[in-house]
Amino acid sequence: MPMLRYLNQHQVATLGGLDPRQALQDVTDTVRLLREGAAQMPAETHVDLATPRGKVYALPARVGGRFNATGVKWTAHRPDIDDDLPQAMAMTLVNRADNGLPVGLVESGGLTAVRTAAVSALVLRCAAPRPVKRVLLAGAGVQARAHCEMLRVHFPDLEQLWCWNRTPDNLDAMLASLDPLPFPVTQVATLEEAQSLEYDALIACTSAAEPWITPAFFHPGSLVMQIGYHEADFATIGLADEVVVDAWGDFCHVSAKSLFQLFRRGGFNPDAVSADLTQLVTDQWRAPADARVYFSSFGLNVFDIALAARVLQSAEAQHFGTLLPFGNAAEPGGANAD
């Protein structure tokens, strides 16, 4: 009788789901599978919550290879709800890709953050016009924290990390909660001060609904990475010598990301995209050393399915998680708590 394995957030972390090294390998392998046609990501769909701006998204994908998974990430975006819980609440359901049998259900908010940061690591390595030694990180939420951990693991030799957030107290709290980072960290008080810094990469992880990345932030030989909502001024994108995306898909018609808003206004031609992730990994596209490179991170749910599948495989091998009956079984076949 098939069993469905349930993993909560703590169990996911215990099984290595939040490990930046494994996440980067998962992302890289999945990018190669996309190029080979062994992975696919159909268009998303959503329904509205009964609250302003609230939506719940169904994000399906299939990924072959060692993952052998098909699944759907189900995410409730809950802005304007004041209950001290995350604004985005996500879970991922995984079935085997070869026979459709159920595998598991995973709390996946942490997986989303770590796969996003893993994509950023890949872009920093492959799309930055110059070796990344100095980074400006904006934000103090879940994504900013995940990017700090990514930088700790993949870029331990940074010469400088500058951090800015619109609410300094939140930034203080985030940095205090992290283990000591292996490179100098300096907090920046104002956007004006941030503009004057000589960084190799700006990683924007804010929830800004109005752009704050103005042309003054875009230096020759730098990489501007938009991870958050609508952070980049259209004029800033227009300055880019090279535009890199994780992918260009149907989401360009509905996404609120700055690049896609600019596209819908007729201000950006998709033919101007210099590279996507498959071209970074398999074609080894690289930017000139003096270029201004803009990267728009939409967030591909095929990576969520891959990471969840890898974690569920580890859980099965270690007899970990809670088993739920699937079918006509009268009682669960057993459970293992963490």
C-alpha atoms as a PDB file:
ATOM      1  CA  MET A   1       0.000   0.000   0.000  1.00  0.00           C
ATOM      2  CA  PRO A   2       1.523   3.400  -0.950  1.00  0.00           C
ATOM      3  CA  MET A   3       2.453   5.669   1.931  1.00  0.00           C
ATOM      4  CA  LEU A   4       2.781   9.456   1.930  1.00  0.00           C
ATOM      5  CA  ARG A   5       5.701  10.840   3.957  1.00  0.00           C
ATOM      6  CA  TYR A   6       5.217  14.163   5.720  1.00  0.00           C
ATOM      7  CA  LEU A   7       8.168  16.378   6.679  1.00  0.00           C
ATOM      8  CA  ASN A   8       7.900  19.555   8.695  1.00  0.00           C
ATOM      9  CA  GLN A   9      10.290  22.482   8.472  1.00  0.00           C
ATOM     10  CA  HIS A  10      12.587  21.238  11.244  1.00  0.00           C
ATOM     11  CA  GLN A  11      12.800  17.785   9.700  1.00  0.00           C
ATOM     12  CA  VAL A  12      13.638  19.314   6.312  1.00  0.00           C
ATOM     13  CA  ALA A  13      16.535  21.207   7.907  1.00  0.00           C
ATOM     14  CA  THR A  14      17.745  18.103   9.775  1.00  0.00           C
ATOM     15  CA  LEU A  15      17.872  16.191   6.492  1.00  0.00           C
ATOM     16  CA  GLY A  16      20.073  18.808   4.827  1.00  0.00           C
ATOM     17  CA  GLY A  17      17.314  20.605   2.983  1.00  0.00           C
ATOM     18  CA  LEU A  18      18.771  23.996   3.878  1.00  0.00           C
ATOM     19  CA  ASP A  19      22.388  23.109   3.038  1.00  0.00           C
ATOM     20  CA  PRO A  20      23.665  25.709   0.504  1.00  0.00           C
ATOM     21  CA  ARG A  21      26.143  23.253  -1.025  1.00  0.00           C
ATOM     22  CA  GLN A  22      23.565  20.577  -1.756  1.00  0.00           C
ATOM     23  CA  ALA A  23      21.106  23.220  -2.956  1.00  0.00           C
ATOM     24  CA  LEU A  24      23.585  24.592  -5.492  1.00  0.00           C
ATOM     25  CA  GLN A  25      24.258  21.080  -6.799  1.00  0.00           C
ATOM     26  CA  ASP A  26      20.505  20.427  -7.068  1.00  0.00           C
ATOM     27  CA  VAL A  27      19.992  23.668  -8.991  1.00  0.00           C
ATOM     28  CA  THR A  28      22.932  23.032 -11.332  1.00  0.00           C
ATOM     29  CA  ASP A  29      21.804  19.472 -12.091  1.00  0.00           C
ATOM     30  CA  THR A  30      18.244  20.636 -12.709  1.00  0.00           C
ATOM     31  CA  VAL A  31      19.415  23.356 -15.109  1.00  0.00           C
ATOM     32  CA  ARG A  32      21.210  20.678 -17.133  1.00  0.00           C
ATOM     33  CA  LEU A  33      18.066  18.529 -17.118  1.00  0.00           C
ATOM     34  CA  LEU A  34      16.063  21.498 -18.410  1.00  0.00           C
ATOM     35  CA  ARG A  35      18.460  21.856 -21.334  1.00  0.00           C
ATOM     36  CA  GLU A  36      18.192  18.113 -22.050  1.00  0.00           C
ATOM     37  CA  GLY A  37      14.395  18.207 -21.995  1.00  0.00           C
ATOM     38  CA  ALA A  38      14.320  15.968 -18.915  1.00  0.00           C
ATOM     39  CA  ALA A  39      12.626  18.631 -16.795  1.00  0.00           C
ATOM     40  CA  GLN A  40       9.655  20.873 -17.463  1.00  0.00           C
ATOM     41  CA  MET A  41       7.787  23.654 -15.735  1.00  0.00           C
ATOM     42  CA  PRO A  42       4.244  24.366 -17.009  1.00  0.00           C
ATOM     43  CA  ALA A  43       2.557  27.692 -16.426  1.00  0.00           C
ATOM     44  CA  GLU A  44       1.437  28.487 -12.906  1.00  0.00           C
ATOM     45  CA  THR A  45      -2.156  29.022 -11.863  1.00  0.00           C
ATOM     46  CA  HIS A  46      -3.662  30.779  -8.884  1.00  0.00           C
ATOM     47  CA  VAL A  47      -6.833  31.577  -6.965  1.00  0.00           C
ATOM     48  CA  ASP A  48      -7.542  34.666  -4.871  1.00  0.00           C
ATOM     49  CA  LEU A  49      -7.726  34.665  -1.110  1.00  0.00           C
ATOM     50  CA  ALA A  50     -10.648  36.462   0.465  1.00  0.00           C
ATOM     51  CA  THR A  51      -8.352  39.321   1.437  1.00  0.00           C
ATOM     52  CA  PRO A  52      -6.847  42.224  -0.532  1.00  0.00           C
ATOM     53  CA  ARG A  53      -3.865  41.162  -2.679  1.00  0.00           C
ATOM     54  CA  GLY A  54      -3.888  37.625  -1.252  1.00  0.00           C
ATOM     55  CA  LYS A  55      -3.360  34.780  -3.731  1.00  0.00           C
ATOM     56  CA  VAL A  56      -2.618  31.073  -3.597  1.00  0.00           C
ATOM     57  CA  TYR A  57      -0.407  29.699  -6.374  1.00  0.00           C
ATOM     58  CA  ALA A  58      -0.176  26.168  -7.765  1.00  0.00           C
ATOM     59  CA  LEU A  59       3.257  25.671  -9.349  1.00  0.00           C
ATOM     60  CA  PRO A  60       3.718  22.286 -11.065  1.00  0.00           C
ATOM     61  CA  ALA A  61       6.939  20.824 -12.433  1.00  0.00           C
ATOM     62  CA  ARG A  62       8.639  17.580 -13.406  1.00  0.00           C
ATOM     63  CA  VAL A  63      12.342  16.858 -13.011  1.00  0.00           C
ATOM     64  CA  GLY A  64      13.988  13.602 -14.084  1.00  0.00           C
ATOM     65  CA  GLY A  65      17.476  12.261 -13.512  1.00  0.00           C
ATOM     66  CA  ARG A  66      18.352  11.413  -9.925  1.00  0.00           C
ATOM     67  CA  PHE A  67      15.287  13.326  -8.713  1.00  0.00           C
ATOM     68  CA  ASN A  68      12.632  11.247 -10.574  1.00  0.00           C
ATOM     69  CA  ALA A  69       9.933  13.589  -9.343  1.00  0.00           C
ATOM     70  CA  THR A  70       6.846  15.377 -10.441  1.00  0.00           C
ATOM     71  CA  GLY A  71       5.026  17.653  -8.077  1.00  0.00           C
ATOM     72  CA  VAL A  72       3.364  20.906  -7.242  1.00  0.00           C
ATOM     73  CA  LYS A  73       4.372  23.705  -4.925  1.00  0.00           C
ATOM     74  CA  TRP A  74       1.300  25.237  -3.270  1.00  0.00           C
ATOM     75  CA  THR A  75       1.995  28.694  -1.832  1.00  0.00           C
ATOM     76  CA  ALA A  76      -0.325  31.100  -0.078  1.00  0.00           C
ATOM     77  CA  HIS A  77       0.815  34.715  -0.368  1.00  0.00           C
ATOM     78  CA  ARG A  78      -0.822  36.585   2.538  1.00  0.00           C
ATOM     79  CA  PRO A  79      -0.005  40.294   2.444  1.00  0.00           C
ATOM     80  CA  ASP A  80      -1.925  42.622   4.746  1.00  0.00           C
ATOM     81  CA  ILE A  81      -2.660  39.834   7.261  1.00  0.00           C
ATOM     82  CA  ASP A  82      -1.323  40.801  10.688  1.00  0.00           C
ATOM     83  CA  ASP A  83      -0.960  37.503  12.553  1.00  0.00           C
ATOM     84  CA  ASP A  84       2.843  37.314  13.106  1.00  0.00           C
ATOM     85  CA  LEU A  85       3.093  34.375  10.690  1.00  0.00           C
ATOM     86  CA  PRO A  86       5.040  34.369   7.404  1.00  0.00           C
ATOM     87  CA  GLN A  87       3.458  36.295   4.544  1.00  0.00           C
ATOM     88  CA  ALA A  88       4.179  33.323   2.278  1.00  0.00           C
ATOM     89  CA  MET A  89       3.301  29.808   3.427  1.00  0.00           C
ATOM     90  CA  ALA A  90       4.401  26.980   1.152  1.00  0.00           C
ATOM     91  CA  MET A  91       4.183  23.211   0.909  1.00  0.00           C
ATOM     92  CA  THR A  92       5.344  20.884  -1.855  1.00  0.00           C
ATOM     93  CA  LEU A  93       3.666  17.630  -2.886  1.00  0.00           C
ATOM     94  CA  VAL A  94       5.876  15.125  -4.708  1.00  0.00           C
ATOM     95  CA  ASN A  95       5.050  12.003  -6.745  1.00  0.00           C
ATOM     96  CA  ARG A  96       7.461   9.746  -8.594  1.00  0.00           C
ATOM     97  CA  ALA A  97       7.902  10.807 -12.201  1.00  0.00           C
ATOM     98  CA  ASP A  98       8.176   7.259 -13.549  1.00  0.00           C
ATOM     99  CA  ASN A  99       4.978   5.764 -12.124  1.00  0.00           C
ATOM    100  CA  GLY A 100       3.083   8.589 -10.396  1.00  0.00           C
ATOM    101  CA  LEU A 101       3.122   6.976  -6.961  1.00  0.00           C
ATOM    102  CA  PRO A 102       2.887   9.450  -4.062  1.00  0.00           C
ATOM    103  CA  VAL A 103       6.135  10.181  -2.262  1.00  0.00           C
ATOM    104  CA  GLY A 104       5.627  12.954   0.249  1.00  0.00           C
ATOM    105  CA  LEU A 105       4.431  16.336   1.426  1.00  0.00           C
ATOM    106  CA  VAL A 106       7.057  18.818   2.565  1.00  0.00           C
ATOM    107  CA  GLU A 107       6.829  22.144   4.353  1.00  0.00           C
ATOM    108  CA  SER A 108       8.896  24.131   1.909  1.00  0.00           C
ATOM    109  CA  GLY A 109       9.273  27.780   2.933  1.00  0.00           C
ATOM    110  CA  GLY A 110      12.903  27.132   3.825  1.00  0.00           C
ATOM    111  CA  LEU A 111      13.501  25.203   0.604  1.00  0.00           C
ATOM    112  CA  THR A 112      12.255  28.157  -1.424  1.00  0.00           C
ATOM    113  CA  ALA A 113      14.683  30.513   0.296  1.00  0.00           C
ATOM    114  CA  VAL A 114      17.689  28.214  -0.068  1.00  0.00           C
ATOM    115  CA  ARG A 115      17.014  27.402  -3.751  1.00  0.00           C
ATOM    116  CA  THR A 116      16.668  31.114  -4.501  1.00  0.00           C
ATOM    117  CA  ALA A 117      20.004  31.795  -2.816  1.00  0.00           C
ATOM    118  CA  ALA A 118      21.549  28.846  -4.687  1.00  0.00           C
ATOM    119  CA  VAL A 119      20.505  30.394  -8.004  1.00  0.00           C
ATOM    120  CA  SER A 120      22.093  33.645  -6.836  1.00  0.00           C
ATOM    121  CA  ALA A 121      25.332  31.775  -6.070  1.00  0.00           C
ATOM    122  CA  LEU A 122      25.321  30.377  -9.587  1.00  0.00           C
ATOM    123  CA  VAL A 123      24.767  33.840 -11.076  1.00  0.00           C
ATOM    124  CA  LEU A 124      27.469  35.413  -8.895  1.00  0.00           C
ATOM    125  CA  ARG A 125      29.915  32.789 -10.116  1.00  0.00           C
ATOM    126  CA  CYS A 126      28.974  32.874 -13.783  1.00  0.00           C
ATOM    127  CA  ALA A 127      27.406  36.231 -14.662  1.00  0.00           C
ATOM    128  CA  ALA A 128      29.291  38.774 -12.549  1.00  0.00           C
ATOM    129  CA  PRO A 129      31.533  40.776 -14.887  1.00  0.00           C
ATOM    130  CA  ARG A 130      34.354  40.730 -12.317  1.00  0.00           C
ATOM    131  CA  PRO A 131      35.327  38.352  -9.484  1.00  0.00           C
ATOM    132  CA  VAL A 132      32.963  39.000  -6.596  1.00  0.00           C
ATOM    133  CA  LYS A 133      34.893  40.362  -3.629  1.00  0.00           C
ATOM    134  CA  ARG A 134      32.629  43.143  -2.336  1.00  0.00           C
ATOM    135  CA  VAL A 135      28.871  42.751  -1.971  1.00  0.00           C
ATOM    136  CA  LEU A 136      26.045  45.072  -0.951  1.00  0.00           C
ATOM    137  CA  LEU A 137      23.078  43.105   0.458  1.00  0.00           C
ATOM    138  CA  ALA A 138      19.733  44.871   0.881  1.00  0.00           C
ATOM    139  CA  GLY A 139      16.985  43.452   3.086  1.00  0.00           C
ATOM    140  CA  ALA A 140      16.594  41.729   6.441  1.00  0.00           C
ATOM    141  CA  GLY A 141      13.969  39.040   5.849  1.00  0.00           C
ATOM    142  CA  VAL A 142      13.995  35.354   4.990  1.00  0.00           C
ATOM    143  CA  GLN A 143      15.673  35.852   1.614  1.00  0.00           C
ATOM    144  CA  ALA A 144      18.370  38.149   2.999  1.00  0.00           C
ATOM    145  CA  ARG A 145      19.157  35.603   5.710  1.00  0.00           C
ATOM    146  CA  ALA A 146      19.379  32.781   3.154  1.00  0.00           C
ATOM    147  CA  HIS A 147      21.719  34.900   1.026  1.00  0.00           C
ATOM    148  CA  CYS A 148      23.972  35.560   4.026  1.00  0.00           C
ATOM    149  CA  GLU A 149      24.260  31.803   4.539  1.00  0.00           C
ATOM    150  CA  MET A 150      24.923  31.324   0.822  1.00  0.00           C
ATOM    151  CA  LEU A 151      27.715  33.901   0.922  1.00  0.00           C
ATOM    152  CA  ARG A 152      29.183  32.262   4.034  1.00  0.00           C
ATOM    153  CA  VAL A 153      29.450  28.900   2.278  1.00  0.00           C
ATOM    154  CA  HIS A 154      30.209  29.805  -1.340  1.00  0.00           C
ATOM    155  CA  PHE A 155      32.091  33.106  -0.946  1.00  0.00           C
ATOM    156  CA  PRO A 156      33.926  32.867   2.403  1.00  0.00           C
ATOM    157  CA  ASP A 157      36.805  35.016   1.105  1.00  0.00           C
ATOM    158  CA  LEU A 158      34.747  38.151   0.511  1.00  0.00           C
ATOM    159  CA  GLU A 159      36.679  41.289   1.306  1.00  0.00           C
ATOM    160  CA  GLN A 160      33.553  43.147   2.412  1.00  0.00           C
ATOM    161  CA  LEU A 161      29.821  42.670   2.905  1.00  0.00           C
ATOM    162  CA  TRP A 162      27.798  45.845   3.288  1.00  0.00           C
ATOM    163  CA  CYS A 163      24.207  45.494   4.553  1.00  0.00           C
ATOM    164  CA  TRP A 164      21.338  47.960   4.281  1.00  0.00           C
ATOM    165  CA  ASN A 165      17.684  47.758   5.248  1.00  0.00           C
ATOM    166  CA  ARG A 166      14.967  50.375   5.326  1.00  0.00           C
ATOM    167  CA  THR A 167      14.268  49.426   8.965  1.00  0.00           C
ATOM    168  CA  PRO A 168      17.652  49.307  10.754  1.00  0.00           C
ATOM    169  CA  ASP A 169      16.291  47.476  13.809  1.00  0.00           C
ATOM    170  CA  ASN A 170      15.275  44.525  11.643  1.00  0.00           C
ATOM    171  CA  LEU A 171      18.752  44.405  10.130  1.00  0.00           C
ATOM    172  CA  ASP A 172      20.304  44.505  13.608  1.00  0.00           C
ATOM    173  CA  ALA A 173      18.136  41.572  14.635  1.00  0.00           C
ATOM    174  CA  MET A 174      18.984  39.508  11.551  1.00  0.00           C
ATOM    175  CA  LEU A 175      22.736  39.993  11.859  1.00  0.00           C
ATOM    176  CA  ALA A 176      22.661  39.279  15.597  1.00  0.00           C
ATOM    177  CA  SER A 177      20.853  35.997  14.973  1.00  0.00           C
ATOM    178  CA  LEU A 178      23.435  34.718  12.473  1.00  0.00           C
ATOM    179  CA  ASP A 179      26.573  32.850  13.406  1.00  0.00           C
ATOM    180  CA  PRO A 180      29.629  35.070  12.903  1.00  0.00           C
ATOM    181  CA  LEU A 181      30.317  35.493   9.195  1.00  0.00           C
ATOM    182  CA  PRO A 182      33.861  34.831   7.922  1.00  0.00           C
ATOM    183  CA  PHE A 183      34.250  38.260   6.312  1.00  0.00           C
ATOM    184  CA  PRO A 184      33.884  41.891   7.429  1.00  0.00           C
ATOM    185  CA  VAL A 185      30.268  43.076   7.710  1.00  0.00           C
ATOM    186  CA  THR A 186      29.384  46.761   7.788  1.00  0.00           C
ATOM    187  CA  GLN A 187      25.898  48.224   8.152  1.00  0.00           C
ATOM    188  CA  VAL A 188      25.008  51.109   5.838  1.00  0.00           C
ATOM    189  CA  ALA A 189      22.693  53.773   7.201  1.00  0.00           C
ATOM    190  CA  THR A 190      21.262  55.372   4.054  1.00  0.00           C
ATOM    191  CA  LEU A 191      20.610  54.667   0.400  1.00  0.00           C
ATOM    192  CA  GLU A 192      22.787  57.664  -0.485  1.00  0.00           C
ATOM    193  CA  GLU A 193      25.719  56.049   1.316  1.00  0.00           C
ATOM    194  CA  ALA A 194      24.982  52.710  -0.364  1.00  0.00           C
ATOM    195  CA  GLN A 195      25.087  54.287  -3.827  1.00  0.00           C
ATOM    196  CA  SER A 196      28.652  55.484  -3.277  1.00  0.00           C
ATOM    197  CA  LEU A 197      30.082  52.068  -2.364  1.00  0.00           C
ATOM    198  CA  GLU A 198      32.382  50.272  -4.788  1.00  0.00           C
ATOM    199  CA  TYR A 199      30.734  46.847  -4.796  1.00  0.00           C
ATOM    200  CA  ASP A 200      31.013  44.075  -7.350  1.00  0.00           C
ATOM    201  CA  ALA A 201      27.450  42.895  -6.755  1.00  0.00           C
ATOM    202  CA  LEU A 202      24.253  44.332  -5.293  1.00  0.00           C
ATOM    203  CA  ILE A 203      21.859  41.646  -4.025  1.00  0.00           C
ATOM    204  CA  ALA A 204      18.407  43.164  -3.445  1.00  0.00           C
ATOM    205  CA  CYS A 205      16.215  41.000  -1.188  1.00  0.00           C
ATOM    206  CA  THR A 206      13.588  43.531  -0.132  1.00  0.00           C
ATOM    207  CA  SER A 207       9.814  43.424  -0.372  1.00  0.00           C
ATOM    208  CA  ALA A 208       9.641  46.905  -1.881  1.00  0.00           C
ATOM    209  CA  ALA A 209       6.544  47.601  -3.945  1.00  0.00           C
ATOM    210  CA  GLU A 210       8.113  50.779  -5.347  1.00  0.00           C
ATOM    211  CA  PRO A 211      11.540  50.862  -7.025  1.00  0.00           C
ATOM    212  CA  TRP A 212      14.545  52.046  -5.069  1.00  0.00           C
ATOM    213  CA  ILE A 213      17.395  50.704  -7.241  1.00  0.00           C
ATOM    214  CA  THR A 214      18.020  53.860  -9.254  1.00  0.00           C
ATOM    215  CA  PRO A 215      20.654  54.310 -11.997  1.00  0.00           C
ATOM    216  CA  ALA A 216      23.066  55.672  -9.382  1.00  0.00           C
ATOM    217  CA  PHE A 217      23.430  52.093  -8.066  1.00  0.00           C
ATOM    218  CA  PHE A 218      24.551  50.672 -11.418  1.00  0.00           C
ATOM    219  CA  HIS A 219      28.315  50.954 -11.799  1.00  0.00           C
ATOM    220  CA  PRO A 220      30.373  49.686 -14.771  1.00  0.00           C
ATOM    221  CA  GLY A 221      31.688  46.211 -13.982  1.00  0.00           C
ATOM    222  CA  SER A 222      28.953  45.496 -11.446  1.00  0.00           C
ATOM    223  CA  LEU A 223      26.115  42.982 -11.141  1.00  0.00           C
ATOM    224  CA  VAL A 224      22.696  44.125  -9.897  1.00  0.00           C
ATOM    225  CA  MET A 225      20.574  41.197  -8.719  1.00  0.00           C
ATOM    226  CA  GLN A 226      16.864  41.758  -8.138  1.00  0.00           C
ATOM    227  CA  ILE A 227      15.543  38.998  -5.894  1.00  0.00           C
ATOM    228  CA  GLY A 228      12.552  40.830  -4.453  1.00  0.00           C
ATOM    229  CA  TYR A 229       9.295  42.235  -5.717  1.00  0.00           C
ATOM    230  CA  HIS A 230       9.519  45.548  -7.658  1.00  0.00           C
ATOM    231  CA  GLU A 231      12.903  46.951  -6.642  1.00  0.00           C
ATOM    232  CA  ALA A 232      14.497  48.145  -9.903  1.00  0.00           C
ATOM    233  CA  ASP A 233      13.661  51.446 -11.552  1.00  0.00           C
ATOM    234  CA  PHE A 234      12.959  51.010 -15.280  1.00  0.00           C
ATOM    235  CA  ALA A 235      15.759  53.448 -16.078  1.00  0.00           C
ATOM    236  CA  THR A 236      18.166  51.238 -14.143  1.00  0.00           C
ATOM    237  CA  ILE A 237      17.237  48.218 -16.241  1.00  0.00           C
ATOM    238  CA  GLY A 238      17.652  50.370 -19.333  1.00  0.00           C
ATOM    239  CA  LEU A 239      21.283  51.030 -18.366  1.00  0.00           C
ATOM    240  CA  ALA A 240      22.151  47.331 -18.389  1.00  0.00           C
ATOM    241  CA  ASP A 241      24.632  46.160 -20.985  1.00  0.00           C
ATOM    242  CA  GLU A 242      23.597  42.566 -20.290  1.00  0.00           C
ATOM    243  CA  VAL A 243      20.265  41.260 -18.960  1.00  0.00           C
ATOM    244  CA  VAL A 244      20.276  37.788 -17.399  1.00  0.00           C
ATOM    245  CA  VAL A 245      17.197  35.847 -16.264  1.00  0.00           C
ATOM    246  CA  ASP A 246      16.694  32.482 -14.628  1.00  0.00           C
ATOM    247  CA  ALA A 247      14.202  31.819 -17.437  1.00  0.00           C
ATOM    248  CA  TRP A 248      11.776  33.671 -19.684  1.00  0.00           C
ATOM    249  CA  GLY A 249       8.330  32.104 -19.661  1.00  0.00           C
ATOM    250  CA  ASP A 250       4.611  32.771 -19.662  1.00  0.00           C
ATOM    251  CA  PHE A 251       4.995  34.411 -16.267  1.00  0.00           C
ATOM    252  CA  CYS A 252       6.292  37.509 -18.083  1.00  0.00           C
ATOM    253  CA  HIS A 253       2.639  38.373 -18.787  1.00  0.00           C
ATOM    254  CA  VAL A 254       1.561  38.428 -15.139  1.00  0.00           C
ATOM    255  CA  SER A 255       4.582  38.713 -12.823  1.00  0.00           C
ATOM    256  CA  ALA A 256       5.026  41.924 -10.838  1.00  0.00           C
ATOM    257  CA  LYS A 257       8.829  41.721 -11.138  1.00  0.00           C
ATOM    258  CA  SER A 258      10.280  44.949 -12.489  1.00  0.00           C
ATOM    259  CA  LEU A 259      11.621  43.446 -15.721  1.00  0.00           C
ATOM    260  CA  PHE A 260       8.287  41.893 -16.644  1.00  0.00           C
ATOM    261  CA  GLN A 261       6.386  45.079 -15.828  1.00  0.00           C
ATOM    262  CA  LEU A 262       8.751  46.907 -18.170  1.00  0.00           C
ATOM    263  CA  PHE A 263       8.160  44.251 -20.850  1.00  0.00           C
ATOM    264  CA  ARG A 264       4.381  44.643 -20.626  1.00  0.00           C
ATOM    265  CA  ARG A 265       4.757  48.407 -21.074  1.00  0.00           C
ATOM    266  CA  GLY A 266       6.663  47.835 -24.274  1.00  0.00           C
ATOM    267  CA  GLY A 267       9.971  48.956 -22.777  1.00  0.00           C
ATOM    268  CA  PHE A 268      11.868  45.662 -23.044  1.00  0.00           C
ATOM    269  CA  ASN A 269      12.240  43.211 -25.906  1.00  0.00           C
ATOM    270  CA  PRO A 270      12.782  39.593 -24.789  1.00  0.00           C
ATOM    271  CA  ASP A 271      15.313  39.273 -27.611  1.00  0.00           C
ATOM    272  CA  ALA A 272      17.523  41.556 -25.501  1.00  0.00           C
ATOM    273  CA  VAL A 273      17.976  38.843 -22.854  1.00  0.00           C
ATOM    274  CA  SER A 274      21.681  37.991 -22.920  1.00  0.00           C
ATOM    275  CA  ALA A 275      21.489  34.665 -21.098  1.00  0.00           C
ATOM    276  CA  ASP A 276      19.360  32.432 -18.915  1.00  0.00           C
ATOM    277  CA  LEU A 277      20.537  29.795 -16.439  1.00  0.00           C
ATOM    278  CA  THR A 278      20.882  27.073 -19.078  1.00  0.00           C
ATOM    279  CA  GLN A 279      23.226  29.303 -21.056  1.00  0.00           C
ATOM    280  CA  LEU A 280      25.273  30.079 -17.953  1.00  0.00           C
ATOM    281  CA  VAL A 281      25.666  26.403 -17.041  1.00  0.00           C
ATOM    282  CA  THR A 282      25.854  24.571 -20.360  1.00  0.00           C
ATOM    283  CA  ASP A 283      27.019  27.254 -22.805  1.00  0.00           C
ATOM    284  CA  GLN A 284      29.327  29.014 -20.312  1.00  0.00           C
ATOM    285  CA  TRP A 285      28.088  32.484 -21.238  1.00  0.00           C
ATOM    286  CA  ARG A 286      30.126  35.196 -19.503  1.00  0.00           C
ATOM    287  CA  ALA A 287      29.859  38.998 -19.355  1.00  0.00           C
ATOM    288  CA  PRO A 288      32.589  41.462 -20.374  1.00  0.00           C
ATOM    289  CA  ALA A 289      34.608  42.808 -17.440  1.00  0.00           C
ATOM    290  CA  ASP A 290      33.325  46.390 -17.763  1.00  0.00           C
ATOM    291  CA  ALA A 291      29.647  45.534 -18.348  1.00  0.00           C
ATOM    292  CA  ARG A 292      26.680  46.517 -16.248  1.00  0.00           C
ATOM    293  CA  VAL A 293      24.833  43.221 -15.696  1.00  0.00           C
ATOM    294  CA  TYR A 294      21.240  43.070 -14.430  1.00  0.00           C
ATOM    295  CA  PHE A 295      19.809  39.770 -13.172  1.00  0.00           C
ATOM    296  CA  SER A 296      16.086  39.266 -12.597  1.00  0.00           C
ATOM    297  CA  SER A 297      15.327  36.323 -10.321  1.00  0.00           C
ATOM    298  CA  PHE A 298      11.759  35.146 -10.947  1.00  0.00           C
ATOM    299  CA  GLY A 299      12.130  31.899  -8.979  1.00  0.00           C
ATOM    300  CA  LEU A 300      11.602  28.590 -10.777  1.00  0.00           C
ATOM    301  CA  ASN A 301       9.412  26.037  -9.062  1.00  0.00           C
ATOM    302  CA  VAL A 302      11.209  23.194 -10.851  1.00  0.00           C
ATOM    303  CA  PHE A 303      13.975  23.782  -8.296  1.00  0.00           C
ATOM    304  CA  ASP A 304      11.508  23.447  -5.416  1.00  0.00           C
ATOM    305  CA  ILE A 305      10.442  20.049  -6.746  1.00  0.00           C
ATOM    306  CA  ALA A 306      14.074  18.949  -7.119  1.00  0.00           C
ATOM    307  CA  LEU A 307      15.078  19.974  -3.602  1.00  0.00           C
ATOM    308  CA  ALA A 308      11.952  18.453  -2.064  1.00  0.00           C
ATOM    309  CA  ALA A 309      12.565  15.193  -3.952  1.00  0.00           C
ATOM    310  CA  ARG A 310      16.159  14.991  -2.740  1.00  0.00           C
ATOM    311  CA  VAL A 311      15.091  15.598   0.874  1.00  0.00           C
ATOM    312  CA  LEU A 312      12.336  12.979   0.640  1.00  0.00           C
ATOM    313  CA  GLN A 313      14.834  10.443  -0.732  1.00  0.00           C
ATOM    314  CA  SER A 314      17.048  11.097   2.299  1.00  0.00           C
ATOM    315  CA  ALA A 315      14.049  10.759   4.606  1.00  0.00           C
ATOM    316  CA  GLU A 316      13.137   7.394   3.106  1.00  0.00           C
ATOM    317  CA  ALA A 317      16.707   6.105   3.419  1.00  0.00           C
ATOM    318  CA  GLN A 318      16.860   7.205   7.063  1.00  0.00           C
ATOM    319  CA  HIS A 319      13.283   6.135   7.938  1.00  0.00           C
ATOM    320  CA  PHE A 320      12.565   9.717   8.885  1.00  0.00           C
ATOM    321  CA  GLY A 321       9.343  11.708   8.947  1.00  0.00           C
ATOM    322  CA  THR A 322       5.700  10.795   9.453  1.00  0.00           C
ATOM    323  CA  LEU A 323       4.113   8.147   7.235  1.00  0.00           C
ATOM    324  CA  LEU A 324       0.467   8.660   6.308  1.00  0.00           C
ATOM    325  CA  PRO A 325      -1.735   5.973   4.727  1.00  0.00           C
ATOM    326  CA  PHE A 326      -2.642   6.445   1.091  1.00  0.00           C
ATOM    327  CA  GLY A 327      -5.498   4.302  -0.158  1.00  0.00           C
ATOM    328  CA  ASN A 328      -7.694   1.894   1.794  1.00  0.00           C
ATOM    329  CA  ALA A 329      -5.364   1.191   4.734  1.00  0.00           C
ATOM    330  CA  ALA A 330      -7.290   1.416   7.998  1.00  0.00           C
ATOM    331  CA  GLU A 331      -4.331   2.720   9.993  1.00  0.00           C
ATOM    332  CA  PRO A 332      -0.952   4.291   9.232  1.00  0.00           C
ATOM    333  CA  GLY A 333       1.819   1.847   8.515  1.00  0.00           C
ATOM    334  CA  GLY A 334       4.052   3.627  10.983  1.00  0.00           C
ATOM    335  CA  ALA A 335       5.642   6.917  11.788  1.00  0.00           C
ATOM    336  CA  ASN A 336       9.026   8.197  12.809  1.00  0.00           C
ATOM    337  CA  ALA A 337       9.343  11.567  14.503  1.00  0.00           C
ATOM    338  CA  ASP A 338      12.461  13.647  14.331  1.00  0.00           C
END
